[in-house]
Amino acid sequence: MIATTRIVMPKTVVRLSAGRTQMSLEGQALCFLAGANLFLWR
């Protein structure tokens, strides 16, 4: 889904917030490789 968003809307900032506390470091790395720009930490 991240990669699809990046292809369809290349100039959009892709932010991830849901599930960030349960996501492994490897999962976070894959999200960044797919095109995510940042995680929202609260």
PDB file of N, CA and C in Angstrom:
ATOM      1  N   MET A   1       0.814  -1.188   0.000  1.00  0.00           N
ATOM      2  CA  MET A   1       0.000   0.000   0.000  1.00  0.00           C
ATOM      3  C   MET A   1       0.868   1.267   0.000  1.00  0.00           C
ATOM      4  N   ILE A   2       1.961   1.237   0.717  1.00  0.00           N
ATOM      5  CA  ILE A   2       2.853   2.397   0.748  1.00  0.00           C
ATOM      6  C   ILE A   2       3.461   2.634  -0.627  1.00  0.00           C
ATOM      7  N   ALA A   3       3.927   1.569  -1.249  1.00  0.00           N
ATOM      8  CA  ALA A   3       4.542   1.697  -2.568  1.00  0.00           C
ATOM      9  C   ALA A   3       3.531   2.164  -3.608  1.00  0.00           C
ATOM     10  N   THR A   4       2.297   1.689  -3.508  1.00  0.00           N
ATOM     11  CA  THR A   4       1.241   2.115  -4.435  1.00  0.00           C
ATOM     12  C   THR A   4       0.960   3.603  -4.279  1.00  0.00           C
ATOM     13  N   THR A   5       0.874   4.066  -3.033  1.00  0.00           N
ATOM     14  CA  THR A   5       0.660   5.493  -2.782  1.00  0.00           C
ATOM     15  C   THR A   5       1.809   6.312  -3.352  1.00  0.00           C
ATOM     16  N   ARG A   6       3.027   5.827  -3.187  1.00  0.00           N
ATOM     17  CA  ARG A   6       4.205   6.539  -3.687  1.00  0.00           C
ATOM     18  C   ARG A   6       4.177   6.633  -5.214  1.00  0.00           C
ATOM     19  N   ILE A   7       3.711   5.574  -5.885  1.00  0.00           N
ATOM     20  CA  ILE A   7       3.655   5.581  -7.355  1.00  0.00           C
ATOM     21  C   ILE A   7       2.552   6.502  -7.851  1.00  0.00           C
ATOM     22  N   VAL A   8       1.375   6.429  -7.230  1.00  0.00           N
ATOM     23  CA  VAL A   8       0.227   7.209  -7.685  1.00  0.00           C
ATOM     24  C   VAL A   8       0.382   8.690  -7.360  1.00  0.00           C
ATOM     25  N   MET A   9       0.922   9.006  -6.178  1.00  0.00           N
ATOM     26  CA  MET A   9       1.085  10.394  -5.730  1.00  0.00           C
ATOM     27  C   MET A   9       2.520  10.610  -5.263  1.00  0.00           C
ATOM     28  N   PRO A  10       3.461  10.763  -6.182  1.00  0.00           N
ATOM     29  CA  PRO A  10       4.887  10.782  -5.814  1.00  0.00           C
ATOM     30  C   PRO A  10       5.319  11.940  -4.927  1.00  0.00           C
ATOM     31  N   LYS A  11       4.617  13.057  -4.923  1.00  0.00           N
ATOM     32  CA  LYS A  11       5.044  14.206  -4.118  1.00  0.00           C
ATOM     33  C   LYS A  11       4.366  14.266  -2.753  1.00  0.00           C
ATOM     34  N   THR A  12       3.532  13.281  -2.442  1.00  0.00           N
ATOM     35  CA  THR A  12       2.811  13.233  -1.181  1.00  0.00           C
ATOM     36  C   THR A  12       3.725  12.736  -0.065  1.00  0.00           C
ATOM     37  N   VAL A  13       3.585  13.319   1.124  1.00  0.00           N
ATOM     38  CA  VAL A  13       4.316  12.845   2.297  1.00  0.00           C
ATOM     39  C   VAL A  13       3.534  11.671   2.874  1.00  0.00           C
ATOM     40  N   VAL A  14       4.170  10.519   2.959  1.00  0.00           N
ATOM     41  CA  VAL A  14       3.527   9.315   3.487  1.00  0.00           C
ATOM     42  C   VAL A  14       3.956   9.159   4.944  1.00  0.00           C
ATOM     43  N   ARG A  15       2.975   9.301   5.860  1.00  0.00           N
ATOM     44  CA  ARG A  15       3.244   9.207   7.289  1.00  0.00           C
ATOM     45  C   ARG A  15       2.574   7.961   7.850  1.00  0.00           C
ATOM     46  N   LEU A  16       3.264   7.250   8.694  1.00  0.00           N
ATOM     47  CA  LEU A  16       2.711   6.062   9.329  1.00  0.00           C
ATOM     48  C   LEU A  16       2.530   6.322  10.815  1.00  0.00           C
ATOM     49  N   SER A  17       1.364   5.958  11.337  1.00  0.00           N
ATOM     50  CA  SER A  17       1.163   6.117  12.772  1.00  0.00           C
ATOM     51  C   SER A  17       0.525   4.887  13.405  1.00  0.00           C
ATOM     52  N   ALA A  18      -0.367   4.214  12.721  1.00  0.00           N
ATOM     53  CA  ALA A  18      -1.071   3.071  13.311  1.00  0.00           C
ATOM     54  C   ALA A  18      -0.155   1.863  13.388  1.00  0.00           C
ATOM     55  N   GLY A  19      -0.114   1.208  14.534  1.00  0.00           N
ATOM     56  CA  GLY A  19       0.651  -0.012  14.705  1.00  0.00           C
ATOM     57  C   GLY A  19       2.140   0.168  14.878  1.00  0.00           C
ATOM     58  N   ARG A  20       2.579   1.385  15.073  1.00  0.00           N
ATOM     59  CA  ARG A  20       4.024   1.624  15.137  1.00  0.00           C
ATOM     60  C   ARG A  20       4.659   0.999  16.372  1.00  0.00           C
ATOM     61  N   THR A  21       3.900   0.861  17.468  1.00  0.00           N
ATOM     62  CA  THR A  21       4.487   0.305  18.688  1.00  0.00           C
ATOM     63  C   THR A  21       4.648  -1.208  18.596  1.00  0.00           C
ATOM     64  N   GLN A  22       3.834  -1.869  17.785  1.00  0.00           N
ATOM     65  CA  GLN A  22       3.950  -3.314  17.625  1.00  0.00           C
ATOM     66  C   GLN A  22       4.854  -3.695  16.456  1.00  0.00           C
ATOM     67  N   MET A  23       5.231  -2.752  15.624  1.00  0.00           N
ATOM     68  CA  MET A  23       6.018  -3.055  14.427  1.00  0.00           C
ATOM     69  C   MET A  23       7.488  -3.251  14.791  1.00  0.00           C
ATOM     70  N   SER A  24       8.095  -4.284  14.249  1.00  0.00           N
ATOM     71  CA  SER A  24       9.516  -4.547  14.496  1.00  0.00           C
ATOM     72  C   SER A  24      10.382  -3.527  13.752  1.00  0.00           C
ATOM     73  N   LEU A  25      11.641  -3.492  14.115  1.00  0.00           N
ATOM     74  CA  LEU A  25      12.569  -2.596  13.407  1.00  0.00           C
ATOM     75  C   LEU A  25      12.698  -2.992  11.948  1.00  0.00           C
ATOM     76  N   GLU A  26      12.629  -4.297  11.686  1.00  0.00           N
ATOM     77  CA  GLU A  26      12.692  -4.761  10.300  1.00  0.00           C
ATOM     78  C   GLU A  26      11.478  -4.295   9.514  1.00  0.00           C
ATOM     79  N   GLY A  27      10.299  -4.344  10.139  1.00  0.00           N
ATOM     80  CA  GLY A  27       9.077  -3.877   9.490  1.00  0.00           C
ATOM     81  C   GLY A  27       9.130  -2.388   9.204  1.00  0.00           C
ATOM     82  N   GLN A  28       9.669  -1.634  10.150  1.00  0.00           N
ATOM     83  CA  GLN A  28       9.810  -0.198   9.944  1.00  0.00           C
ATOM     84  C   GLN A  28      10.772   0.086   8.798  1.00  0.00           C
ATOM     85  N   ALA A  29      11.858  -0.666   8.732  1.00  0.00           N
ATOM     86  CA  ALA A  29      12.825  -0.487   7.643  1.00  0.00           C
ATOM     87  C   ALA A  29      12.173  -0.782   6.297  1.00  0.00           C
ATOM     88  N   LEU A  30      11.363  -1.833   6.240  1.00  0.00           N
ATOM     89  CA  LEU A  30      10.677  -2.162   4.985  1.00  0.00           C
ATOM     90  C   LEU A  30       9.708  -1.059   4.581  1.00  0.00           C
ATOM     91  N   CYS A  31       9.036  -0.444   5.551  1.00  0.00           N
ATOM     92  CA  CYS A  31       8.132   0.671   5.229  1.00  0.00           C
ATOM     93  C   CYS A  31       8.902   1.837   4.627  1.00  0.00           C
ATOM     94  N   PHE A  32      10.063   2.144   5.188  1.00  0.00           N
ATOM     95  CA  PHE A  32      10.878   3.224   4.632  1.00  0.00           C
ATOM     96  C   PHE A  32      11.391   2.870   3.246  1.00  0.00           C
ATOM     97  N   LEU A  33      11.772   1.620   3.043  1.00  0.00           N
ATOM     98  CA  LEU A  33      12.222   1.202   1.717  1.00  0.00           C
ATOM     99  C   LEU A  33      11.096   1.264   0.697  1.00  0.00           C
ATOM    100  N   ALA A  34       9.866   1.034   1.155  1.00  0.00           N
ATOM    101  CA  ALA A  34       8.711   1.094   0.256  1.00  0.00           C
ATOM    102  C   ALA A  34       8.325   2.528  -0.079  1.00  0.00           C
ATOM    103  N   GLY A  35       8.815   3.505   0.705  1.00  0.00           N
ATOM    104  CA  GLY A  35       8.559   4.895   0.367  1.00  0.00           C
ATOM    105  C   GLY A  35       7.943   5.746   1.446  1.00  0.00           C
ATOM    106  N   ALA A  36       7.818   5.240   2.660  1.00  0.00           N
ATOM    107  CA  ALA A  36       7.279   6.059   3.752  1.00  0.00           C
ATOM    108  C   ALA A  36       8.297   7.146   4.112  1.00  0.00           C
ATOM    109  N   ASN A  37       7.789   8.316   4.486  1.00  0.00           N
ATOM    110  CA  ASN A  37       8.671   9.427   4.826  1.00  0.00           C
ATOM    111  C   ASN A  37       8.981   9.496   6.322  1.00  0.00           C
ATOM    112  N   LEU A  38       7.968   9.249   7.161  1.00  0.00           N
ATOM    113  CA  LEU A  38       8.195   9.381   8.586  1.00  0.00           C
ATOM    114  C   LEU A  38       7.168   8.603   9.382  1.00  0.00           C
ATOM    115  N   PHE A  39       7.501   8.348  10.632  1.00  0.00           N
ATOM    116  CA  PHE A  39       6.586   7.751  11.582  1.00  0.00           C
ATOM    117  C   PHE A  39       6.160   8.830  12.549  1.00  0.00           C
ATOM    118  N   LEU A  40       4.926   8.807  12.977  1.00  0.00           N
ATOM    119  CA  LEU A  40       4.441   9.760  13.975  1.00  0.00           C
ATOM    120  C   LEU A  40       4.544   9.119  15.347  1.00  0.00           C
ATOM    121  N   TRP A  41       5.374   9.687  16.217  1.00  0.00           N
ATOM    122  CA  TRP A  41       5.561   9.141  17.558  1.00  0.00           C
ATOM    123  C   TRP A  41       4.813  10.001  18.551  1.00  0.00           C
ATOM    124  N   ARG A  42       4.056   9.372  19.426  1.00  0.00           N
ATOM    125  CA  ARG A  42       3.331  10.116  20.468  1.00  0.00           C
ATOM    126  C   ARG A  42       3.482   9.431  21.784  1.00  0.00           C
TER     127      ARG A  42
END
